[in-house]
């Protein structure tokens, strides 16, 4: 008698929950396709399309036959545009030939960095709350994510004691995000100095997720830890165009790192994805340009005002509090006074009021008691979301 058998799935997948931000956004998309009206404030996706001048550059590249694989490290033109941008915006001198690699967005840049540095059992210090994909991708590479709390009483910044006490003999790297997702903190020179001191003292790599570096508010400026003394040789900077230029579907970004690490990341790139897209690199090089057009500068200014509108309005609602983010475009809403758990309230809002937000618990234990709301949606949708949130909730 024959038995029906099938192979098992890998433990790394069986032990991994879906991405909360992506899965909620995907669920909303299915509801919309089925004819339901749902307002989506889950994933960090602006309502605006990619600016036309960027699309035109990519279209010209396609029409000219630029539809073939590029070299694995990325086209010279794109890497040169990235290096110019880093010098102009971030005061970093980066060699585009030896210290840059084009990536399929920031997640893949982080994956390449991890695969090139982490051995089985190595530990990576991460923020709590933090972006939902950090822990899974570290584990996929054989490492272990060690959450270090961002405490509300410390304005969601690491304390030196918390960070230093988390270092063990197995610690290999520190991973942080600035502007921070989900809390909206922009790391100060003092913040970065403490991270740098702990990294150099303990001979650690630093992975700097700088995805939101162009969207900082109220005169703040993003600072790169690689610019601090002794940090260039131990820092991987991870940047992209997904957020700042509303280019999420393009899957294009870049990483900068010491030449020896770029060489290692290049080997992983060759075997995993070959290269980033050809015409997407052309469009991205145009986006970075020699300067940013008024249309983009005005867009960023409008995003700032939408963030202010949402956070001011939410902060006036009973049982909720919310501060203007220092950077990024999320409202980090304190719901602790409502008595609801964040996942239960998020489920209720989607089912009962047809608005999708992300529960803070998805970002880690210290995210409990919060909801994350994307602010770069239409003014009409934002106003409706505020109206729905103003309606009293039933008892939890």
Protein backbone atom coordinates (compact mmCIF):
# COMPACT_ATOMS: atom_id res chain seq x y z
CA UNK A 1 0.00 0.00 0.00
CA UNK A 2 1.45 3.36 -1.04
CA UNK A 3 1.54 6.23 1.46
CA UNK A 4 1.08 9.82 0.39
CA UNK A 5 3.93 11.95 1.68
CA UNK A 6 5.19 15.42 1.01
CA UNK A 7 8.42 17.14 2.04
CA UNK A 8 8.43 19.42 5.08
CA UNK A 9 8.84 23.18 4.84
CA UNK A 10 11.99 24.74 6.23
CA UNK A 11 11.95 25.50 9.93
CA UNK A 12 13.12 29.05 9.25
CA UNK A 13 9.82 29.71 7.46
CA UNK A 14 7.61 27.67 9.77
CA UNK A 15 8.92 29.72 12.70
CA UNK A 16 8.40 33.08 10.98
CA UNK A 17 5.19 35.08 11.12
CA UNK A 18 4.18 37.10 8.04
CA UNK A 19 5.20 40.75 7.82
CA UNK A 20 2.47 42.67 9.61
CA UNK A 21 2.82 45.77 7.43
CA UNK A 22 2.85 43.89 4.13
CA UNK A 23 0.19 41.33 5.08
CA UNK A 24 -2.25 44.00 6.31
CA UNK A 25 -1.72 46.03 3.14
CA UNK A 26 -2.20 42.90 1.01
CA UNK A 27 -5.40 42.02 2.89
CA UNK A 28 -6.72 45.54 2.32
CA UNK A 29 -5.92 45.25 -1.38
CA UNK A 30 -7.96 42.04 -1.60
CA UNK A 31 -10.89 43.69 0.17
CA UNK A 32 -10.77 46.60 -2.26
CA UNK A 33 -10.69 44.24 -5.24
CA UNK A 34 -13.78 42.56 -3.82
CA UNK A 35 -15.58 45.90 -3.86
CA UNK A 36 -15.17 46.95 -0.21
CA UNK A 37 -14.20 50.49 0.73
CA UNK A 38 -11.24 50.35 3.10
CA UNK A 39 -8.89 53.19 3.99
CA UNK A 40 -5.34 51.86 4.19
CA UNK A 41 -2.90 53.51 6.59
CA UNK A 42 -0.81 50.38 7.18
CA UNK A 43 2.23 50.12 4.89
CA UNK A 44 4.43 53.16 4.31
CA UNK A 45 3.16 53.96 0.84
CA UNK A 46 2.42 57.52 -0.20
CA UNK A 47 -0.71 58.25 -2.19
CA UNK A 48 1.34 60.11 -4.83
CA UNK A 49 2.75 58.29 -7.82
CA UNK A 50 6.46 58.45 -8.66
CA UNK A 51 7.26 61.95 -10.02
CA UNK A 52 6.91 62.15 -13.80
CA UNK A 53 10.51 63.21 -14.50
CA UNK A 54 11.76 59.97 -12.91
CA UNK A 55 9.28 57.83 -14.87
CA UNK A 56 10.24 59.62 -18.08
CA UNK A 57 13.93 58.79 -17.52
CA UNK A 58 13.16 55.11 -17.01
CA UNK A 59 10.86 55.08 -20.03
CA UNK A 60 13.60 56.58 -22.20
CA UNK A 61 15.98 53.91 -20.97
CA UNK A 62 13.53 51.16 -21.91
CA UNK A 63 12.88 52.64 -25.35
CA UNK A 64 16.61 52.92 -26.01
CA UNK A 65 17.09 49.22 -25.32
CA UNK A 66 18.38 49.48 -21.76
CA UNK A 67 16.52 46.30 -20.80
CA UNK A 68 19.41 43.92 -20.18
CA UNK A 69 21.27 42.85 -17.08
CA UNK A 70 23.78 45.30 -15.71
CA UNK A 71 26.98 44.39 -13.92
CA UNK A 72 26.19 42.98 -10.50
CA UNK A 73 27.47 46.00 -8.59
CA UNK A 74 25.19 48.36 -10.52
CA UNK A 75 25.70 50.70 -13.44
CA UNK A 76 28.54 53.22 -13.15
CA UNK A 77 26.02 56.01 -13.81
CA UNK A 78 23.79 55.00 -10.90
CA UNK A 79 26.67 54.48 -8.51
CA UNK A 80 28.16 57.83 -9.45
CA UNK A 81 24.79 59.52 -8.84
CA UNK A 82 24.64 57.83 -5.41
CA UNK A 83 28.15 59.02 -4.54
CA UNK A 84 27.33 62.58 -5.57
CA UNK A 85 24.17 62.47 -3.49
CA UNK A 86 26.09 61.19 -0.44
CA UNK A 87 28.59 64.03 -0.78
CA UNK A 88 25.95 66.71 -1.35
CA UNK A 89 23.37 65.63 1.21
CA UNK A 90 25.35 63.66 3.77
CA UNK A 91 28.93 64.99 3.60
CA UNK A 92 30.33 61.52 2.91
CA UNK A 93 33.18 60.84 0.49
CA UNK A 94 32.28 57.46 -0.99
CA UNK A 95 34.13 55.86 -3.90
CA UNK A 96 31.44 54.69 -6.36
CA UNK A 97 33.76 52.03 -7.80
CA UNK A 98 34.73 50.31 -4.56
CA UNK A 99 32.32 51.40 -1.79
CA UNK A 100 28.85 51.23 -3.38
CA UNK A 101 26.49 48.54 -4.60
CA UNK A 102 23.03 48.84 -6.21
CA UNK A 103 20.36 46.79 -4.47
CA UNK A 104 16.73 45.73 -4.89
CA UNK A 105 15.61 48.17 -2.22
CA UNK A 106 16.75 48.44 1.39
CA UNK A 107 15.64 45.01 2.59
CA UNK A 108 17.90 43.31 0.07
CA UNK A 109 20.74 45.67 0.96
CA UNK A 110 20.40 44.62 4.60
CA UNK A 111 20.24 40.96 3.60
CA UNK A 112 23.48 41.27 1.61
CA UNK A 113 25.19 42.97 4.55
CA UNK A 114 24.02 40.30 6.98
CA UNK A 115 25.00 37.42 4.71
CA UNK A 116 28.46 38.96 4.37
CA UNK A 117 29.10 39.42 8.10
CA UNK A 118 26.95 37.11 10.26
CA UNK A 119 27.92 33.56 11.19
CA UNK A 120 25.58 31.02 12.84
CA UNK A 121 24.89 32.05 16.42
CA UNK A 122 26.11 35.63 16.05
CA UNK A 123 23.96 38.27 17.73
CA UNK A 124 22.74 41.56 16.29
CA UNK A 125 21.42 44.26 18.60
CA UNK A 126 18.17 45.74 17.27
CA UNK A 127 15.71 48.34 18.45
CA UNK A 128 12.46 47.45 20.21
CA UNK A 129 10.14 48.60 18.70
CA UNK A 130 11.71 48.14 15.28
CA UNK A 131 10.86 47.44 11.65
CA UNK A 132 9.08 44.10 11.45
CA UNK A 133 11.55 42.43 9.03
CA UNK A 134 14.75 42.88 11.04
CA UNK A 135 14.40 39.83 13.29
CA UNK A 136 13.36 37.41 10.51
CA UNK A 137 16.14 38.35 8.08
CA UNK A 138 18.76 38.14 10.82
CA UNK A 139 17.47 34.66 11.67
CA UNK A 140 17.41 33.67 7.99
CA UNK A 141 21.16 34.44 7.94
CA UNK A 142 21.80 32.25 10.98
CA UNK A 143 22.04 35.08 13.49
CA UNK A 144 20.00 36.02 16.53
CA UNK A 145 18.32 39.40 16.95
CA UNK A 146 18.68 40.81 20.47
CA UNK A 147 16.03 43.49 21.14
CA UNK A 148 17.20 46.51 23.12
CA UNK A 149 14.29 48.63 24.36
CA UNK A 150 13.47 52.11 23.14
CA UNK A 151 11.73 53.42 26.22
CA UNK A 152 8.97 56.02 26.04
CA UNK A 153 10.44 57.80 29.07
CA UNK A 154 13.67 58.21 27.08
CA UNK A 155 11.73 59.57 24.08
CA UNK A 156 12.24 56.27 22.24
CA UNK A 157 16.01 56.57 22.19
CA UNK A 158 18.48 53.95 23.35
CA UNK A 159 20.03 54.56 26.72
CA UNK A 160 23.74 53.88 26.85
CA UNK A 161 23.27 51.47 29.75
CA UNK A 162 20.64 49.41 27.93
CA UNK A 163 22.74 49.18 24.77
CA UNK A 164 26.04 48.44 26.50
CA UNK A 165 24.54 45.80 28.77
CA UNK A 166 23.12 43.92 25.75
CA UNK A 167 26.59 43.29 24.29
CA UNK A 168 27.91 39.75 24.78
CA UNK A 169 30.80 37.74 23.41
CA UNK A 170 28.50 36.68 20.55
CA UNK A 171 27.49 40.21 19.52
CA UNK A 172 28.56 40.95 15.94
CA UNK A 173 26.65 44.07 14.96
CA UNK A 174 24.28 46.88 15.90
CA UNK A 175 21.33 47.60 13.61
CA UNK A 176 19.39 50.83 13.94
CA UNK A 177 17.04 52.92 11.79
CA UNK A 178 17.06 56.73 11.53
CA UNK A 179 14.63 58.34 11.03
CA UNK A 180 13.24 55.50 13.09
CA UNK A 181 10.39 53.27 11.98
CA UNK A 182 7.93 53.23 13.72
CA UNK A 183 8.58 55.94 16.33
CA UNK A 184 9.75 58.79 14.06
CA UNK A 185 12.91 59.57 16.07
CA UNK A 186 15.79 61.23 14.21
CA UNK A 187 19.06 60.22 15.85
CA UNK A 188 21.08 63.12 17.19
CA UNK A 189 24.86 63.49 17.17
CA UNK A 190 24.78 62.39 20.82
CA UNK A 191 22.75 59.26 19.97
CA UNK A 192 25.12 58.29 17.18
CA UNK A 193 28.18 59.03 19.30
CA UNK A 194 27.06 56.52 21.92
CA UNK A 195 26.34 53.86 19.31
CA UNK A 196 29.73 54.53 17.71
CA UNK A 197 31.56 54.32 21.03
CA UNK A 198 29.99 50.96 21.90
CA UNK A 199 30.67 49.65 18.38
CA UNK A 200 34.33 50.63 18.37
CA UNK A 201 34.92 49.48 21.95
CA UNK A 202 33.51 46.05 21.15
CA UNK A 203 34.70 45.81 17.51
CA UNK A 204 31.19 45.58 16.07
CA UNK A 205 29.69 46.24 12.68
CA UNK A 206 26.99 48.91 12.47
CA UNK A 207 24.13 48.57 9.99
CA UNK A 208 22.46 51.96 9.51
CA UNK A 209 19.02 51.75 7.91
CA UNK A 210 18.68 55.23 6.40
CA UNK A 211 15.57 54.57 4.33
CA UNK A 212 13.80 57.74 5.48
CA UNK A 213 16.83 60.03 5.52
CA UNK A 214 15.37 62.63 3.15
CA UNK A 215 12.11 63.09 5.08
CA UNK A 216 13.08 64.86 8.28
CA UNK A 217 10.90 67.61 9.70
CA UNK A 218 11.07 71.02 11.36
CA UNK A 219 14.61 71.80 10.28
CA UNK A 220 16.18 68.56 11.45
CA UNK A 221 18.92 66.95 9.37
CA UNK A 222 19.75 63.28 9.07
CA UNK A 223 23.26 62.45 10.28
CA UNK A 224 25.28 59.49 9.01
CA UNK A 225 27.19 57.51 11.62
CA UNK A 226 29.76 56.61 8.94
CA UNK A 227 30.98 60.21 9.13
CA UNK A 228 32.12 59.85 12.75
CA UNK A 229 35.78 59.08 13.49
CA UNK A 230 36.63 55.42 13.10
CA UNK A 231 33.19 54.46 11.81
CA UNK A 232 33.62 54.38 8.02
CA UNK A 233 35.47 51.06 8.20
CA UNK A 234 32.75 49.35 10.27
CA UNK A 235 29.51 50.87 8.89
CA UNK A 236 27.09 49.67 6.23
CA UNK A 237 24.75 52.48 5.18
CA UNK A 238 21.50 51.26 3.62
CA UNK A 239 19.56 53.75 1.52
CA UNK A 240 16.77 53.65 -1.03
CA UNK A 241 14.30 55.68 -3.01
CA UNK A 242 11.16 53.80 -1.97
CA UNK A 243 9.94 56.32 0.60
CA UNK A 244 11.35 59.72 -0.35
CA UNK A 245 10.42 59.52 -4.03
CA UNK A 246 7.33 57.30 -3.78
CA UNK A 247 9.13 54.56 -5.71
CA UNK A 248 8.09 51.51 -3.70
CA UNK A 249 7.30 49.38 -6.75
CA UNK A 250 10.67 50.09 -8.35
CA UNK A 251 12.61 48.08 -5.74
CA UNK A 252 15.79 50.11 -6.09
CA UNK A 253 18.27 51.24 -3.48
CA UNK A 254 21.95 51.20 -2.66
CA UNK A 255 24.36 50.39 0.13
CA UNK A 256 27.74 51.90 0.95
CA UNK A 257 30.38 50.08 2.95
CA UNK A 258 34.15 49.49 3.17
CA UNK A 259 35.61 48.02 -0.04
CA UNK A 260 36.27 44.58 1.48
CA UNK A 261 32.63 44.27 2.53
CA UNK A 262 31.32 45.52 -0.82
CA UNK A 263 33.41 42.74 -2.41
CA UNK A 264 31.70 40.20 -0.13
CA UNK A 265 28.23 41.64 -0.76
CA UNK A 266 28.94 41.50 -4.49
CA UNK A 267 29.54 37.74 -4.32
CA UNK A 268 26.18 37.28 -2.59
CA UNK A 269 24.53 39.58 -5.13
CA UNK A 270 25.89 37.59 -8.06
CA UNK A 271 24.39 34.37 -6.78
CA UNK A 272 21.10 35.68 -5.38
CA UNK A 273 19.69 38.23 -7.84
CA UNK A 274 22.48 38.96 -10.38
CA UNK A 275 21.81 42.71 -10.36
CA UNK A 276 19.31 45.46 -9.74
CA UNK A 277 17.04 46.41 -12.64
CA UNK A 278 18.64 48.24 -15.54
CA UNK A 279 16.04 50.89 -16.30
CA UNK A 280 15.14 51.27 -12.62
CA UNK A 281 18.74 52.31 -12.02
CA UNK A 282 18.39 54.87 -14.83
CA UNK A 283 15.27 56.33 -13.24
CA UNK A 284 16.85 56.34 -9.80
CA UNK A 285 19.97 58.10 -11.04
CA UNK A 286 17.73 60.83 -12.43
CA UNK A 287 15.82 61.04 -9.16
CA UNK A 288 19.01 61.65 -7.19
CA UNK A 289 20.25 64.12 -9.81
CA UNK A 290 22.43 67.15 -9.09
CA UNK A 291 19.57 68.81 -7.18
CA UNK A 292 15.94 68.13 -6.35
CA UNK A 293 13.26 69.88 -8.42
CA UNK A 294 10.70 72.13 -6.76
CA UNK A 295 8.01 69.51 -7.34
CA UNK A 296 9.82 67.06 -5.04
CA UNK A 297 10.72 69.69 -2.44
CA UNK A 298 7.09 70.80 -2.39
CA UNK A 299 5.96 67.20 -2.02
CA UNK A 300 8.16 66.71 1.04
CA UNK A 301 6.84 69.95 2.52
CA UNK A 302 3.27 68.75 1.96
CA UNK A 303 4.07 65.44 3.64
CA UNK A 304 5.34 67.31 6.67
CA UNK A 305 2.08 69.22 6.93
CA UNK A 306 0.02 66.04 6.61
CA UNK A 307 2.06 64.50 9.45
CA UNK A 308 1.38 67.59 11.54
CA UNK A 309 -2.33 67.53 10.70
CA UNK A 310 -2.71 63.87 11.71
CA UNK A 311 -0.66 63.99 14.88
CA UNK A 312 -2.25 67.24 16.10
CA UNK A 313 -5.74 65.88 15.43
CA UNK A 314 -5.10 62.50 17.06
CA UNK A 315 -3.48 64.13 20.08
CA UNK A 316 -6.78 65.92 20.77
CA UNK A 317 -8.82 62.69 20.79
CA UNK A 318 -9.94 61.24 24.15
CA UNK A 319 -7.74 58.39 25.36
CA UNK A 320 -5.03 58.95 22.73
CA UNK A 321 -1.84 60.93 22.48
CA UNK A 322 0.52 61.47 19.58
CA UNK A 323 3.59 63.60 18.86
CA UNK A 324 4.75 65.01 15.57
CA UNK A 325 7.44 62.65 14.22
CA UNK A 326 10.93 64.08 13.93
CA UNK A 327 11.25 62.26 10.62
CA UNK A 328 9.55 59.63 8.50
CA UNK A 329 5.82 59.80 7.93
CA UNK A 330 4.13 57.74 10.61
CA UNK A 331 1.92 58.77 13.51
CA UNK A 332 2.93 56.69 16.54
CA UNK A 333 -0.34 56.76 18.47
CA UNK A 334 -0.38 56.02 22.20
CA UNK A 335 -3.61 54.12 22.90
CA UNK A 336 -2.71 52.89 26.39
CA UNK A 337 -5.50 54.89 28.04
CA UNK A 338 -8.16 53.21 25.89
CA UNK A 339 -7.67 49.86 27.65
CA UNK A 340 -7.36 48.05 24.30
CA UNK A 341 -4.44 45.87 23.23
CA UNK A 342 -2.96 47.16 20.02
CA UNK A 343 -3.68 44.08 17.89
CA UNK A 344 -7.27 43.87 19.12
CA UNK A 345 -7.93 47.54 18.41
CA UNK A 346 -6.34 47.29 14.95
CA UNK A 347 -8.55 44.28 14.18
CA UNK A 348 -11.63 46.12 15.42
CA UNK A 349 -10.89 49.24 13.38
CA UNK A 350 -10.46 47.20 10.20
CA UNK A 351 -13.55 45.06 10.71
CA UNK A 352 -15.91 47.67 12.15
CA UNK A 353 -14.71 50.99 10.71
CA UNK A 354 -12.83 49.89 7.60
CA UNK A 355 -9.57 51.64 8.39
CA UNK A 356 -6.27 49.74 8.46
CA UNK A 357 -3.54 50.63 10.96
CA UNK A 358 -0.65 48.52 12.25
CA UNK A 359 -0.64 47.32 15.87
CA UNK A 360 2.40 48.49 17.79
CA UNK A 361 2.96 44.97 19.11
CA UNK A 362 3.99 43.94 15.57
CA UNK A 363 7.16 46.00 16.04
CA UNK A 364 8.16 44.34 19.31
CA UNK A 365 7.07 44.08 22.95
CA UNK A 366 7.84 47.74 23.65
CA UNK A 367 5.48 48.69 20.82
CA UNK A 368 2.47 47.43 22.75
CA UNK A 369 0.05 50.22 23.58
CA UNK A 370 0.55 51.98 20.25
CA UNK A 371 -0.82 52.02 16.71
CA UNK A 372 1.17 53.10 13.67
CA UNK A 373 -0.64 55.18 11.06
CA UNK A 374 0.80 56.25 7.71
CA UNK A 375 0.24 60.00 7.23
CA UNK A 376 1.09 60.43 3.54
CA UNK A 377 -2.37 59.59 2.25
CA UNK A 378 -4.91 61.96 0.74
CA UNK A 379 -6.25 64.76 2.90
CA UNK A 380 -9.74 63.38 2.38
CA UNK A 381 -8.79 59.91 3.63
CA UNK A 382 -6.85 61.32 6.56
CA UNK A 383 -9.83 63.42 7.60
CA UNK A 384 -12.11 60.38 7.44
CA UNK A 385 -9.66 58.35 9.53
CA UNK A 386 -9.62 61.05 12.20
CA UNK A 387 -13.41 61.07 12.20
CA UNK A 388 -13.53 57.29 12.65
CA UNK A 389 -10.99 57.41 15.47
CA UNK A 390 -12.99 60.14 17.22
CA UNK A 391 -16.01 57.84 17.61
CA UNK A 392 -15.85 56.27 21.09
CA UNK A 393 -14.69 52.66 21.16
CA UNK A 394 -16.69 50.01 22.98
CA UNK A 395 -15.20 48.66 26.19
CA UNK A 396 -12.23 46.43 25.46
